[in-house]
């Protein structure tokens, strides 16, 4: 059973608390819908900013003009990150990249701070079409961020530390400091180094 569900709103709902694999993600159909939506939004945004948006920006007052520049920059950055993430996951599914490579820092979403910033002053005066593209990009980015977090949880499970581990460390530190005792099997870590004769 897939760990993903996709509601009519386009948001992502996780069907269970368990980790999900990329194959589950692909089989759910959510990837293809997200991929199609993301690439379509990239094309729509590019066409708008290179055409009607450029013309609309010329007639804006100064504050709204500055907001246009800032918000359009955030919009394109957000969409570039989403498109890159989708292409990387597609490459993993097609065997062109390993999951380890896809989960490396090189391919990590890098615009979280930009994506979460409040709107620029004067953004409410931006053209309606631009505001629509911004809102759609924010929802899409949030969805991809949640998917990325979930897919990165599929690594090996690290067992929790022993409840007495911290107490053991304190006891060992006490003996090491006050009695200079070498613990069997841990001489390099706990024992004091003895000066070698010259």
C-alpha atoms as a PDB file:
ATOM      1  CA  UNK A   1       0.000   0.000   0.000  1.00  0.00           C
ATOM      2  CA  UNK A   2       1.294   3.427  -0.919  1.00  0.00           C
ATOM      3  CA  UNK A   3       2.245   5.828   1.844  1.00  0.00           C
ATOM      4  CA  UNK A   4       0.939   8.769  -0.182  1.00  0.00           C
ATOM      5  CA  UNK A   5      -2.478  10.153  -0.933  1.00  0.00           C
ATOM      6  CA  UNK A   6      -3.276  13.179  -3.029  1.00  0.00           C
ATOM      7  CA  UNK A   7      -6.424  15.141  -2.311  1.00  0.00           C
ATOM      8  CA  UNK A   8      -8.261  17.388  -4.728  1.00  0.00           C
ATOM      9  CA  UNK A   9      -6.541  20.402  -3.173  1.00  0.00           C
ATOM     10  CA  UNK A  10      -3.219  19.141  -4.514  1.00  0.00           C
ATOM     11  CA  UNK A  11      -1.785  18.789  -1.027  1.00  0.00           C
ATOM     12  CA  UNK A  12       0.044  15.692   0.122  1.00  0.00           C
ATOM     13  CA  UNK A  13      -1.385  13.417   2.800  1.00  0.00           C
ATOM     14  CA  UNK A  14       0.678  10.559   4.209  1.00  0.00           C
ATOM     15  CA  UNK A  15      -1.424   7.458   4.644  1.00  0.00           C
ATOM     16  CA  UNK A  16       0.722   6.081   7.463  1.00  0.00           C
ATOM     17  CA  UNK A  17       3.540   7.043   9.780  1.00  0.00           C
ATOM     18  CA  UNK A  18       5.923   4.600   8.136  1.00  0.00           C
ATOM     19  CA  UNK A  19       8.716   5.654   5.827  1.00  0.00           C
ATOM     20  CA  UNK A  20       8.002   5.369   2.127  1.00  0.00           C
ATOM     21  CA  UNK A  21      10.319   4.510  -0.729  1.00  0.00           C
ATOM     22  CA  UNK A  22      10.805   6.219  -4.063  1.00  0.00           C
ATOM     23  CA  UNK A  23       9.122   3.255  -5.771  1.00  0.00           C
ATOM     24  CA  UNK A  24       6.026   3.804  -3.573  1.00  0.00           C
ATOM     25  CA  UNK A  25       6.106   7.452  -4.512  1.00  0.00           C
ATOM     26  CA  UNK A  26       6.293   6.666  -8.224  1.00  0.00           C
ATOM     27  CA  UNK A  27       3.631   3.947  -8.052  1.00  0.00           C
ATOM     28  CA  UNK A  28       1.190   6.293  -6.319  1.00  0.00           C
ATOM     29  CA  UNK A  29       1.012   8.498  -9.400  1.00  0.00           C
ATOM     30  CA  UNK A  30       1.745  11.523  -7.227  1.00  0.00           C
ATOM     31  CA  UNK A  31       5.177  12.021  -8.763  1.00  0.00           C
ATOM     32  CA  UNK A  32       3.818  12.257 -12.300  1.00  0.00           C
ATOM     33  CA  UNK A  33       1.123  14.721 -11.252  1.00  0.00           C
ATOM     34  CA  UNK A  34       3.641  16.805  -9.311  1.00  0.00           C
ATOM     35  CA  UNK A  35       6.150  16.632 -12.174  1.00  0.00           C
ATOM     36  CA  UNK A  36       3.551  17.724 -14.732  1.00  0.00           C
ATOM     37  CA  UNK A  37       2.309  20.532 -12.494  1.00  0.00           C
ATOM     38  CA  UNK A  38       5.834  21.732 -11.739  1.00  0.00           C
ATOM     39  CA  UNK A  39       7.031  21.833 -15.344  1.00  0.00           C
ATOM     40  CA  UNK A  40       3.813  23.485 -16.474  1.00  0.00           C
ATOM     41  CA  UNK A  41       4.178  26.147 -13.802  1.00  0.00           C
ATOM     42  CA  UNK A  42       7.773  26.787 -14.904  1.00  0.00           C
ATOM     43  CA  UNK A  43       6.589  27.340 -18.484  1.00  0.00           C
ATOM     44  CA  UNK A  44       3.680  29.560 -17.449  1.00  0.00           C
ATOM     45  CA  UNK A  45       5.912  31.676 -15.226  1.00  0.00           C
ATOM     46  CA  UNK A  46       8.591  32.057 -17.886  1.00  0.00           C
ATOM     47  CA  UNK A  47       6.032  33.081 -20.495  1.00  0.00           C
ATOM     48  CA  UNK A  48       4.446  35.610 -18.131  1.00  0.00           C
ATOM     49  CA  UNK A  49       7.659  37.227 -16.894  1.00  0.00           C
ATOM     50  CA  UNK A  50       9.069  37.515 -20.427  1.00  0.00           C
ATOM     51  CA  UNK A  51       5.843  38.937 -21.845  1.00  0.00           C
ATOM     52  CA  UNK A  52       2.788  40.380 -20.086  1.00  0.00           C
ATOM     53  CA  UNK A  53       4.579  40.651 -16.752  1.00  0.00           C
ATOM     54  CA  UNK A  54       7.346  42.801 -18.167  1.00  0.00           C
ATOM     55  CA  UNK A  55       4.812  45.188 -19.648  1.00  0.00           C
ATOM     56  CA  UNK A  56       2.770  45.272 -16.430  1.00  0.00           C
ATOM     57  CA  UNK A  57       5.863  46.031 -14.332  1.00  0.00           C
ATOM     58  CA  UNK A  58       6.560  49.268 -16.239  1.00  0.00           C
ATOM     59  CA  UNK A  59       3.409  50.908 -14.984  1.00  0.00           C
ATOM     60  CA  UNK A  60       3.832  50.038 -11.305  1.00  0.00           C
ATOM     61  CA  UNK A  61       4.595  52.643  -8.604  1.00  0.00           C
ATOM     62  CA  UNK A  62       8.037  52.532  -7.008  1.00  0.00           C
ATOM     63  CA  UNK A  63       7.170  50.344  -3.985  1.00  0.00           C
ATOM     64  CA  UNK A  64       5.207  47.875  -6.092  1.00  0.00           C
ATOM     65  CA  UNK A  65       8.004  47.886  -8.683  1.00  0.00           C
ATOM     66  CA  UNK A  66      10.527  46.881  -6.012  1.00  0.00           C
ATOM     67  CA  UNK A  67       8.132  44.194  -4.790  1.00  0.00           C
ATOM     68  CA  UNK A  68       7.779  42.938  -8.354  1.00  0.00           C
ATOM     69  CA  UNK A  69      11.531  42.552  -8.702  1.00  0.00           C
ATOM     70  CA  UNK A  70      11.899  40.786  -5.349  1.00  0.00           C
ATOM     71  CA  UNK A  71       8.890  38.498  -5.682  1.00  0.00           C
ATOM     72  CA  UNK A  72       9.686  37.508  -9.268  1.00  0.00           C
ATOM     73  CA  UNK A  73      13.224  36.609  -8.174  1.00  0.00           C
ATOM     74  CA  UNK A  74      11.882  34.439  -5.346  1.00  0.00           C
ATOM     75  CA  UNK A  75       9.344  32.893  -7.693  1.00  0.00           C
ATOM     76  CA  UNK A  76      11.923  31.823 -10.280  1.00  0.00           C
ATOM     77  CA  UNK A  77      14.353  30.600  -7.599  1.00  0.00           C
ATOM     78  CA  UNK A  78      11.596  28.548  -5.947  1.00  0.00           C
ATOM     79  CA  UNK A  79      10.582  26.974  -9.247  1.00  0.00           C
ATOM     80  CA  UNK A  80      14.172  26.209 -10.263  1.00  0.00           C
ATOM     81  CA  UNK A  81      14.623  24.307  -7.014  1.00  0.00           C
ATOM     82  CA  UNK A  82      11.385  22.374  -7.518  1.00  0.00           C
ATOM     83  CA  UNK A  83      12.247  21.506 -11.130  1.00  0.00           C
ATOM     84  CA  UNK A  84      15.729  20.381 -10.118  1.00  0.00           C
ATOM     85  CA  UNK A  85      14.316  18.179  -7.341  1.00  0.00           C
ATOM     86  CA  UNK A  86      11.803  16.565  -9.696  1.00  0.00           C
ATOM     87  CA  UNK A  87      14.450  15.872 -12.345  1.00  0.00           C
ATOM     88  CA  UNK A  88      16.790  14.331  -9.774  1.00  0.00           C
ATOM     89  CA  UNK A  89      14.093  11.980  -8.429  1.00  0.00           C
ATOM     90  CA  UNK A  90      13.166  11.032 -11.978  1.00  0.00           C
ATOM     91  CA  UNK A  91      16.840  10.249 -12.666  1.00  0.00           C
ATOM     92  CA  UNK A  92      16.933   7.970  -9.600  1.00  0.00           C
ATOM     93  CA  UNK A  93      13.818   6.128 -10.757  1.00  0.00           C
ATOM     94  CA  UNK A  94      15.348   5.641 -14.213  1.00  0.00           C
ATOM     95  CA  UNK A  95      18.650   4.379 -12.782  1.00  0.00           C
ATOM     96  CA  UNK A  96      20.746   7.379 -13.768  1.00  0.00           C
ATOM     97  CA  UNK A  97      21.459   8.376 -10.141  1.00  0.00           C
ATOM     98  CA  UNK A  98      21.599   6.421  -6.902  1.00  0.00           C
ATOM     99  CA  UNK A  99      19.420   7.325  -3.934  1.00  0.00           C
ATOM    100  CA  UNK A 100      22.580   8.182  -1.996  1.00  0.00           C
ATOM    101  CA  UNK A 101      23.564  10.698  -4.665  1.00  0.00           C
ATOM    102  CA  UNK A 102      20.062  12.174  -4.762  1.00  0.00           C
ATOM    103  CA  UNK A 103      20.077  12.609  -0.967  1.00  0.00           C
ATOM    104  CA  UNK A 104      23.460  14.329  -0.932  1.00  0.00           C
ATOM    105  CA  UNK A 105      23.852  17.996  -0.005  1.00  0.00           C
ATOM    106  CA  UNK A 106      24.427  18.785  -3.690  1.00  0.00           C
ATOM    107  CA  UNK A 107      20.767  18.090  -4.489  1.00  0.00           C
ATOM    108  CA  UNK A 108      19.159  19.284  -1.271  1.00  0.00           C
ATOM    109  CA  UNK A 109      16.480  21.983  -1.470  1.00  0.00           C
ATOM    110  CA  UNK A 110      18.486  25.124  -0.858  1.00  0.00           C
ATOM    111  CA  UNK A 111      15.918  27.912  -0.837  1.00  0.00           C
ATOM    112  CA  UNK A 112      13.891  27.153   2.287  1.00  0.00           C
ATOM    113  CA  UNK A 113      14.711  30.516   3.851  1.00  0.00           C
ATOM    114  CA  UNK A 114      13.772  32.353   0.650  1.00  0.00           C
ATOM    115  CA  UNK A 115      10.572  30.360   0.212  1.00  0.00           C
ATOM    116  CA  UNK A 116       9.370  31.132   3.740  1.00  0.00           C
ATOM    117  CA  UNK A 117      10.067  34.861   3.761  1.00  0.00           C
ATOM    118  CA  UNK A 118       7.061  37.191   4.116  1.00  0.00           C
ATOM    119  CA  UNK A 119       5.988  39.034   0.998  1.00  0.00           C
ATOM    120  CA  UNK A 120       7.693  42.292   0.097  1.00  0.00           C
ATOM    121  CA  UNK A 121       5.970  45.538   0.978  1.00  0.00           C
ATOM    122  CA  UNK A 122       3.744  46.562  -1.883  1.00  0.00           C
ATOM    123  CA  UNK A 123       3.179  42.963  -2.993  1.00  0.00           C
ATOM    124  CA  UNK A 124      -0.571  43.415  -2.642  1.00  0.00           C
ATOM    125  CA  UNK A 125      -0.404  45.865  -5.573  1.00  0.00           C
ATOM    126  CA  UNK A 126       1.257  43.348  -7.897  1.00  0.00           C
ATOM    127  CA  UNK A 127      -0.633  42.152 -10.984  1.00  0.00           C
ATOM    128  CA  UNK A 128      -3.210  39.512 -10.166  1.00  0.00           C
ATOM    129  CA  UNK A 129      -1.628  37.000 -12.541  1.00  0.00           C
ATOM    130  CA  UNK A 130       1.757  37.310 -10.806  1.00  0.00           C
ATOM    131  CA  UNK A 131       0.176  36.884  -7.382  1.00  0.00           C
ATOM    132  CA  UNK A 132      -1.526  33.726  -8.630  1.00  0.00           C
ATOM    133  CA  UNK A 133       1.777  32.294  -9.900  1.00  0.00           C
ATOM    134  CA  UNK A 134       3.482  33.141  -6.595  1.00  0.00           C
ATOM    135  CA  UNK A 135       0.772  31.422  -4.541  1.00  0.00           C
ATOM    136  CA  UNK A 136       0.872  28.307  -6.733  1.00  0.00           C
ATOM    137  CA  UNK A 137       4.656  28.139  -6.511  1.00  0.00           C
ATOM    138  CA  UNK A 138       4.552  28.415  -2.711  1.00  0.00           C
ATOM    139  CA  UNK A 139       2.063  25.542  -2.443  1.00  0.00           C
ATOM    140  CA  UNK A 140       4.071  23.418  -4.851  1.00  0.00           C
ATOM    141  CA  UNK A 141       7.329  24.130  -3.031  1.00  0.00           C
ATOM    142  CA  UNK A 142       5.757  23.223   0.319  1.00  0.00           C
ATOM    143  CA  UNK A 143       4.514  19.941  -1.149  1.00  0.00           C
ATOM    144  CA  UNK A 144       7.932  19.063  -2.596  1.00  0.00           C
ATOM    145  CA  UNK A 145       9.611  19.981   0.689  1.00  0.00           C
ATOM    146  CA  UNK A 146       7.359  17.541   2.571  1.00  0.00           C
ATOM    147  CA  UNK A 147       7.979  14.836  -0.022  1.00  0.00           C
ATOM    148  CA  UNK A 148      11.726  15.412   0.175  1.00  0.00           C
ATOM    149  CA  UNK A 149      11.678  15.139   3.962  1.00  0.00           C
ATOM    150  CA  UNK A 150       9.667  11.922   3.817  1.00  0.00           C
ATOM    151  CA  UNK A 151      11.845  10.269   1.168  1.00  0.00           C
ATOM    152  CA  UNK A 152      15.008  11.154   3.081  1.00  0.00           C
ATOM    153  CA  UNK A 153      13.661   9.219   6.089  1.00  0.00           C
ATOM    154  CA  UNK A 154      14.220   5.896   4.306  1.00  0.00           C
ATOM    155  CA  UNK A 155      17.809   5.507   5.534  1.00  0.00           C
ATOM    156  CA  UNK A 156      18.971   2.947   8.114  1.00  0.00           C
ATOM    157  CA  UNK A 157      17.275   3.163  11.477  1.00  0.00           C
ATOM    158  CA  UNK A 158      19.651   4.180  14.274  1.00  0.00           C
ATOM    159  CA  UNK A 159      18.828   2.443  17.566  1.00  0.00           C
ATOM    160  CA  UNK A 160      18.170   4.746  20.522  1.00  0.00           C
ATOM    161  CA  UNK A 161      20.954   5.049  23.097  1.00  0.00           C
ATOM    162  CA  UNK A 162      20.891   2.785  26.140  1.00  0.00           C
ATOM    163  CA  UNK A 163      19.104   4.560  29.019  1.00  0.00           C
ATOM    164  CA  UNK A 164      22.146   4.096  31.270  1.00  0.00           C
ATOM    165  CA  UNK A 165      24.724   5.099  28.667  1.00  0.00           C
ATOM    166  CA  UNK A 166      25.089   8.636  30.018  1.00  0.00           C
ATOM    167  CA  UNK A 167      25.563   7.342  33.578  1.00  0.00           C
ATOM    168  CA  UNK A 168      28.236   4.905  32.382  1.00  0.00           C
ATOM    169  CA  UNK A 169      30.087   7.728  30.662  1.00  0.00           C
ATOM    170  CA  UNK A 170      30.029   9.861  33.813  1.00  0.00           C
ATOM    171  CA  UNK A 171      31.377   6.965  35.907  1.00  0.00           C
ATOM    172  CA  UNK A 172      34.141   6.264  33.402  1.00  0.00           C
ATOM    173  CA  UNK A 173      35.045   9.943  33.273  1.00  0.00           C
ATOM    174  CA  UNK A 174      35.270  10.024  37.080  1.00  0.00           C
ATOM    175  CA  UNK A 175      37.669   7.078  37.243  1.00  0.00           C
ATOM    176  CA  UNK A 176      39.703   8.390  34.343  1.00  0.00           C
ATOM    177  CA  UNK A 177      40.129  11.771  35.996  1.00  0.00           C
ATOM    178  CA  UNK A 178      40.630  10.761  39.627  1.00  0.00           C
ATOM    179  CA  UNK A 179      42.126   7.279  39.614  1.00  0.00           C
ATOM    180  CA  UNK A 180      43.892   7.134  36.261  1.00  0.00           C
ATOM    181  CA  UNK A 181      42.602   3.588  35.650  1.00  0.00           C
ATOM    182  CA  UNK A 182      42.982   1.976  32.231  1.00  0.00           C
ATOM    183  CA  UNK A 183      39.731   0.215  31.354  1.00  0.00           C
ATOM    184  CA  UNK A 184      40.295  -3.171  29.670  1.00  0.00           C
ATOM    185  CA  UNK A 185      39.659  -2.923  25.955  1.00  0.00           C
ATOM    186  CA  UNK A 186      39.424   0.888  26.046  1.00  0.00           C
ATOM    187  CA  UNK A 187      43.003   1.899  26.799  1.00  0.00           C
ATOM    188  CA  UNK A 188      43.304   4.327  23.923  1.00  0.00           C
ATOM    189  CA  UNK A 189      40.056   6.091  24.737  1.00  0.00           C
ATOM    190  CA  UNK A 190      40.093   6.202  28.543  1.00  0.00           C
ATOM    191  CA  UNK A 191      43.629   5.466  29.740  1.00  0.00           C
ATOM    192  CA  UNK A 192      46.148   8.179  30.290  1.00  0.00           C
ATOM    193  CA  UNK A 193      49.088   8.086  27.947  1.00  0.00           C
ATOM    194  CA  UNK A 194      52.331   7.171  29.592  1.00  0.00           C
ATOM    195  CA  UNK A 195      55.443   9.019  28.569  1.00  0.00           C
ATOM    196  CA  UNK A 196      57.807   6.821  26.656  1.00  0.00           C
ATOM    197  CA  UNK A 197      61.409   6.729  27.918  1.00  0.00           C
ATOM    198  CA  UNK A 198      63.722   8.758  25.712  1.00  0.00           C
END
